[in-house]
C-alpha atoms as a PDB file:
ATOM      1  CA  MET A   1     -29.752  38.467  39.892  1.00  0.00           C
ATOM      2  CA  ILE A   2     -32.170  38.408  42.811  1.00  0.00           C
ATOM      3  CA  PHE A   3     -30.475  35.256  44.007  1.00  0.00           C
ATOM      4  CA  ILE A   4     -27.049  36.937  44.049  1.00  0.00           C
ATOM      5  CA  SER A   5     -28.323  40.038  45.832  1.00  0.00           C
ATOM      6  CA  LYS A   6     -29.515  37.951  48.789  1.00  0.00           C
ATOM      7  CA  LEU A   7     -26.030  36.432  49.289  1.00  0.00           C
ATOM      8  CA  SER A   8     -23.565  37.765  51.801  1.00  0.00           C
ATOM      9  CA  LYS A   9     -20.229  39.178  50.663  1.00  0.00           C
ATOM     10  CA  ARG A  10     -18.397  35.951  51.508  1.00  0.00           C
ATOM     11  CA  GLU A  11     -20.991  33.820  49.664  1.00  0.00           C
ATOM     12  CA  LYS A  12     -20.812  36.130  46.642  1.00  0.00           C
ATOM     13  CA  THR A  13     -17.034  35.682  46.559  1.00  0.00           C
ATOM     14  CA  ILE A  14     -17.354  31.894  46.759  1.00  0.00           C
ATOM     15  CA  PHE A  15     -20.066  31.979  44.079  1.00  0.00           C
ATOM     16  CA  TYR A  16     -17.945  34.062  41.685  1.00  0.00           C
ATOM     17  CA  VAL A  17     -14.911  31.853  42.284  1.00  0.00           C
ATOM     18  CA  ALA A  18     -17.072  28.774  41.597  1.00  0.00           C
ATOM     19  CA  VAL A  19     -18.433  30.310  38.379  1.00  0.00           C
ATOM     20  CA  VAL A  20     -14.883  31.154  37.232  1.00  0.00           C
ATOM     21  CA  LEU A  21     -13.684  27.640  38.067  1.00  0.00           C
ATOM     22  CA  VAL A  22     -16.638  26.030  36.254  1.00  0.00           C
ATOM     23  CA  GLY A  23     -15.953  28.334  33.267  1.00  0.00           C
ATOM     24  CA  LEU A  24     -12.289  27.357  33.264  1.00  0.00           C
ATOM     25  CA  ALA A  25     -13.233  23.657  33.496  1.00  0.00           C
ATOM     26  CA  LEU A  26     -15.607  24.028  30.541  1.00  0.00           C
ATOM     27  CA  LEU A  27     -12.963  25.940  28.572  1.00  0.00           C
ATOM     28  CA  ASN A  28     -10.447  23.200  29.350  1.00  0.00           C
ATOM     29  CA  HIS A  29     -12.834  20.394  28.453  1.00  0.00           C
ATOM     30  CA  PHE A  30     -14.268  21.861  25.227  1.00  0.00           C
ATOM     31  CA  PHE A  31     -11.388  23.915  23.864  1.00  0.00           C
ATOM     32  CA  LEU A  32      -7.955  23.282  25.370  1.00  0.00           C
ATOM     33  CA  LYS A  33      -7.957  19.449  25.469  1.00  0.00           C
ATOM     34  CA  PRO A  34      -9.126  19.006  21.819  1.00  0.00           C
ATOM     35  CA  THR A  35      -6.686  21.687  20.643  1.00  0.00           C
ATOM     36  CA  LEU A  36      -3.737  20.141  22.495  1.00  0.00           C
ATOM     37  CA  ALA A  37      -4.701  16.638  21.286  1.00  0.00           C
ATOM     38  CA  ARG A  38      -4.783  17.890  17.695  1.00  0.00           C
ATOM     39  CA  LEU A  39      -1.387  19.576  18.173  1.00  0.00           C
ATOM     40  CA  ASP A  40       0.062  16.295  19.489  1.00  0.00           C
ATOM     41  CA  GLN A  41      -1.373  14.468  16.476  1.00  0.00           C
ATOM     42  CA  ILE A  42       0.136  17.047  14.114  1.00  0.00           C
ATOM     43  CA  GLU A  43       3.520  16.703  15.851  1.00  0.00           C
ATOM     44  CA  ALA A  44       3.381  12.909  15.465  1.00  0.00           C
ATOM     45  CA  GLU A  45       2.505  13.229  11.774  1.00  0.00           C
ATOM     46  CA  THR A  46       5.326  15.742  11.348  1.00  0.00           C
ATOM     47  CA  ALA A  47       7.789  13.332  12.960  1.00  0.00           C
ATOM     48  CA  VAL A  48       6.707  10.551  10.579  1.00  0.00           C
ATOM     49  CA  PHE A  49       6.938  12.935   7.630  1.00  0.00           C
ATOM     50  CA  GLN A  50      10.429  14.035   8.690  1.00  0.00           C
ATOM     51  CA  GLN A  51      11.520  10.395   8.952  1.00  0.00           C
ATOM     52  CA  ASP A  52      10.183   9.764   5.425  1.00  0.00           C
ATOM     53  CA  LEU A  53      12.040  12.822   4.201  1.00  0.00           C
ATOM     54  CA  LYS A  54      15.282  11.539   5.748  1.00  0.00           C
ATOM     55  CA  SER A  55      14.936   8.171   4.012  1.00  0.00           C
ATOM     56  CA  ASP A  56      14.048   9.881   0.720  1.00  0.00           C
ATOM     57  CA  LYS A  57      17.065  12.160   1.123  1.00  0.00           C
ATOM     58  CA  MET A  58      19.297   9.118   1.650  1.00  0.00           C
ATOM     59  CA  ILE A  59      17.987   7.645  -1.603  1.00  0.00           C
ATOM     60  CA  LEU A  60      18.517  10.939  -3.420  1.00  0.00           C
ATOM     61  CA  ASP A  61      22.028  11.196  -1.989  1.00  0.00           C
ATOM     62  CA  ARG A  62      22.743   7.729  -3.394  1.00  0.00           C
ATOM     63  CA  LYS A  63      21.061   8.537  -6.729  1.00  0.00           C
ATOM     64  CA  ASP A  64      24.305   8.815  -8.663  1.00  0.00           C
ATOM     65  CA  SER A  65      25.622   5.493  -7.385  1.00  0.00           C
ATOM     66  CA  ILE A  66      22.248   3.818  -8.065  1.00  0.00           C
ATOM     67  CA  ILE A  67      22.210   5.172 -11.622  1.00  0.00           C
ATOM     68  CA  ALA A  68      25.825   4.103 -12.176  1.00  0.00           C
ATOM     69  CA  GLU A  69      25.044   0.601 -10.908  1.00  0.00           C
ATOM     70  CA  TYR A  70      21.946   0.428 -13.105  1.00  0.00           C
ATOM     71  CA  ASN A  71      23.935   1.549 -16.141  1.00  0.00           C
ATOM     72  CA  LYS A  72      26.481  -1.196 -15.466  1.00  0.00           C
ATOM     73  CA  ARG A  73      23.833  -3.881 -15.272  1.00  0.00           C
ATOM     74  CA  SER A  74      21.320  -2.657 -17.858  1.00  0.00           C
ATOM     75  CA  TYR A  75      23.646  -3.726 -20.667  1.00  0.00           C
ATOM     76  CA  TYR A  76      23.582  -7.297 -19.379  1.00  0.00           C
ATOM     77  CA  LEU A  77      19.805  -7.304 -19.019  1.00  0.00           C
ATOM     78  CA  LYS A  78      19.363  -6.043 -22.571  1.00  0.00           C
ATOM     79  CA  ALA A  79      21.970  -8.527 -23.804  1.00  0.00           C
ATOM     80  CA  SER A  80      20.084 -11.340 -22.072  1.00  0.00           C
ATOM     81  CA  SER A  81      16.825 -10.374 -23.797  1.00  0.00           C
ATOM     82  CA  ASP A  82      18.571 -10.070 -27.156  1.00  0.00           C
ATOM     83  CA  PHE A  83      20.247 -13.443 -26.586  1.00  0.00           C
ATOM     84  CA  LYS A  84      16.886 -15.129 -26.098  1.00  0.00           C
ATOM     85  CA  LYS A  85      15.600 -13.565 -29.332  1.00  0.00           C
ATOM     86  CA  ASN A  86      18.750 -14.588 -31.216  1.00  0.00           C
ATOM     87  CA  VAL A  87      18.531 -18.210 -30.051  1.00  0.00           C
ATOM     88  CA  ASP A  88      14.853 -18.291 -31.049  1.00  0.00           C
ATOM     89  CA  HIS A  89      15.694 -16.828 -34.468  1.00  0.00           C
ATOM     90  CA  LEU A  90      18.536 -19.319 -35.038  1.00  0.00           C
ATOM     91  CA  ALA A  91      16.261 -22.228 -34.103  1.00  0.00           C
ATOM     92  CA  MET A  92      13.536 -21.125 -36.498  1.00  0.00           C
ATOM     93  CA  ALA A  93      16.113 -20.526 -39.251  1.00  0.00           C
ATOM     94  CA  SER A  94      17.321 -24.113 -38.722  1.00  0.00           C
ATOM     95  CA  ARG A  95      13.749 -25.405 -39.224  1.00  0.00           C
ATOM     96  CA  LEU A  96      13.296 -26.351 -35.573  1.00  0.00           C
ATOM     97  CA  GLN A  97      10.063 -25.894 -33.678  1.00  0.00           C
ATOM     98  CA  VAL A  98      10.625 -24.024 -30.403  1.00  0.00           C
ATOM     99  CA  ASP A  99       8.401 -25.527 -27.721  1.00  0.00           C
ATOM    100  CA  LYS A 100       9.686 -23.416 -24.852  1.00  0.00           C
ATOM    101  CA  ILE A 101      12.411 -20.868 -24.325  1.00  0.00           C
ATOM    102  CA  SER A 102      12.991 -19.180 -20.982  1.00  0.00           C
ATOM    103  CA  PRO A 103      15.793 -17.206 -19.331  1.00  0.00           C
ATOM    104  CA  ILE A 104      17.756 -18.966 -16.580  1.00  0.00           C
ATOM    105  CA  ASP A 105      20.835 -18.500 -14.407  1.00  0.00           C
ATOM    106  CA  LEU A 106      23.508 -21.150 -14.892  1.00  0.00           C
ATOM    107  CA  LYS A 107      26.061 -21.758 -12.144  1.00  0.00           C
ATOM    108  CA  GLU A 108      29.554 -22.945 -12.870  1.00  0.00           C
ATOM    109  CA  GLY A 109      31.582 -23.026  -9.688  1.00  0.00           C
ATOM    110  CA  ASP A 110      31.229 -19.665  -7.998  1.00  0.00           C
ATOM    111  CA  GLU A 111      30.221 -17.857 -11.189  1.00  0.00           C
ATOM    112  CA  VAL A 112      26.670 -17.341 -12.432  1.00  0.00           C
ATOM    113  CA  PHE A 113      25.958 -16.909 -16.133  1.00  0.00           C
ATOM    114  CA  LYS A 114      22.805 -15.644 -17.785  1.00  0.00           C
ATOM    115  CA  GLY A 115      21.392 -18.051 -20.292  1.00  0.00           C
ATOM    116  CA  VAL A 116      18.326 -19.710 -21.742  1.00  0.00           C
ATOM    117  CA  SER A 117      16.671 -23.058 -21.427  1.00  0.00           C
ATOM    118  CA  VAL A 118      15.247 -24.108 -24.779  1.00  0.00           C
ATOM    119  CA  ASN A 119      13.134 -27.117 -25.813  1.00  0.00           C
ATOM    120  CA  LEU A 120      13.236 -27.853 -29.540  1.00  0.00           C
ATOM    121  CA  VAL A 121      11.521 -30.348 -31.836  1.00  0.00           C
ATOM    122  CA  GLY A 122      12.825 -31.343 -35.252  1.00  0.00           C
ATOM    123  CA  ASP A 123      14.994 -33.801 -37.093  1.00  0.00           C
ATOM    124  CA  LEU A 124      18.673 -34.539 -36.384  1.00  0.00           C
ATOM    125  CA  GLU A 125      19.860 -32.536 -39.397  1.00  0.00           C
ATOM    126  CA  SER A 126      18.019 -29.439 -38.147  1.00  0.00           C
ATOM    127  CA  VAL A 127      19.484 -29.843 -34.633  1.00  0.00           C
ATOM    128  CA  ILE A 128      23.002 -30.122 -36.062  1.00  0.00           C
ATOM    129  CA  SER A 129      22.333 -27.099 -38.282  1.00  0.00           C
ATOM    130  CA  PHE A 130      21.166 -25.151 -35.202  1.00  0.00           C
ATOM    131  CA  LEU A 131      24.262 -26.143 -33.195  1.00  0.00           C
ATOM    132  CA  HIS A 132      26.482 -25.067 -36.099  1.00  0.00           C
ATOM    133  CA  ALA A 133      24.646 -21.738 -36.459  1.00  0.00           C
ATOM    134  CA  LEU A 134      24.957 -21.192 -32.714  1.00  0.00           C
ATOM    135  CA  SER A 135      28.685 -21.905 -32.648  1.00  0.00           C
ATOM    136  CA  THR A 136      29.419 -19.721 -35.702  1.00  0.00           C
ATOM    137  CA  SER A 137      27.292 -16.783 -34.590  1.00  0.00           C
ATOM    138  CA  ASP A 138      28.831 -13.611 -33.171  1.00  0.00           C
ATOM    139  CA  MET A 139      27.641 -14.639 -29.700  1.00  0.00           C
ATOM    140  CA  ILE A 140      30.082 -16.358 -27.348  1.00  0.00           C
ATOM    141  CA  VAL A 141      28.057 -19.276 -25.990  1.00  0.00           C
ATOM    142  CA  SER A 142      28.519 -22.359 -23.891  1.00  0.00           C
ATOM    143  CA  ILE A 143      26.115 -25.294 -24.044  1.00  0.00           C
ATOM    144  CA  HIS A 144      25.808 -26.563 -20.481  1.00  0.00           C
ATOM    145  CA  THR A 145      23.399 -29.420 -21.116  1.00  0.00           C
ATOM    146  CA  LEU A 146      22.140 -31.089 -24.268  1.00  0.00           C
ATOM    147  CA  ASN A 147      19.586 -33.904 -24.062  1.00  0.00           C
ATOM    148  CA  MET A 148      18.136 -35.479 -27.184  1.00  0.00           C
ATOM    149  CA  ARG A 149      15.477 -38.169 -27.393  1.00  0.00           C
ATOM    150  CA  ARG A 150      13.021 -39.467 -29.928  1.00  0.00           C
ATOM    151  CA  GLU A 151       9.370 -38.657 -29.366  1.00  0.00           C
ATOM    152  CA  GLY A 152       8.386 -42.148 -30.459  1.00  0.00           C
ATOM    153  CA  ALA A 153      10.009 -45.517 -31.029  1.00  0.00           C
ATOM    154  CA  ARG A 154      10.200 -45.110 -34.799  1.00  0.00           C
ATOM    155  CA  GLU A 155      13.286 -43.772 -36.504  1.00  0.00           C
ATOM    156  CA  ASP A 156      11.381 -41.104 -38.432  1.00  0.00           C
ATOM    157  CA  SER A 157       9.677 -39.725 -35.300  1.00  0.00           C
ATOM    158  CA  PRO A 158      10.677 -36.153 -34.312  1.00  0.00           C
ATOM    159  CA  LEU A 159      13.704 -35.552 -32.132  1.00  0.00           C
ATOM    160  CA  MET A 160      13.123 -33.736 -28.832  1.00  0.00           C
ATOM    161  CA  CYS A 161      16.089 -31.585 -27.818  1.00  0.00           C
ATOM    162  CA  ASP A 162      16.464 -29.860 -24.430  1.00  0.00           C
ATOM    163  CA  MET A 163      19.363 -27.430 -24.025  1.00  0.00           C
ATOM    164  CA  LYS A 164      20.717 -25.007 -21.495  1.00  0.00           C
ATOM    165  CA  ILE A 165      22.826 -22.383 -23.221  1.00  0.00           C
ATOM    166  CA  ALA A 166      24.859 -19.702 -21.444  1.00  0.00           C
ATOM    167  CA  ARG A 167      26.173 -16.529 -22.994  1.00  0.00           C
ATOM    168  CA  LEU A 168      29.368 -14.817 -22.005  1.00  0.00           C
ATOM    169  CA  VAL A 169      28.898 -11.054 -22.288  1.00  0.00           C
ATOM    170  CA  ILE A 170      32.009  -9.059 -23.005  1.00  0.00           C
ATOM    171  CA  ARG A 171      31.540  -5.350 -22.672  1.00  0.00           C
END
């Protein structure tokens, strides 16, 4: 305080103004700028959150149509899985060894059918028995390709049979 008492009135005024300005600068630097930066960050996060909420609301608004579409198609997906199991069961019942069976999409013109690609091993009688069981089953099927070949040169060697079978699903 001794220093301030030696100052003239004009110098004291300048000193007090300088102290207030330095105080305001420190307040700005250590309090206002970090607070305003954090507020800007919160506003940006809020904007992102609101955008996410809008997209989630659009999905929820379309929930009924999504569920209806799923219900339409879920029958076909289940039917496709059941079809694969039925073909496998018919092949085993006909005494054929199933090497590979996998779901595929078969195109005929502009239409696409769900089906299976199956590789079988057995004798000719078993293949014919399988084809008969397939055609007399309650499934409506179409055999798109059927390739048969002997595994060896001998007549008693196993017959390799590759098929692509499509199923028509009537609901």
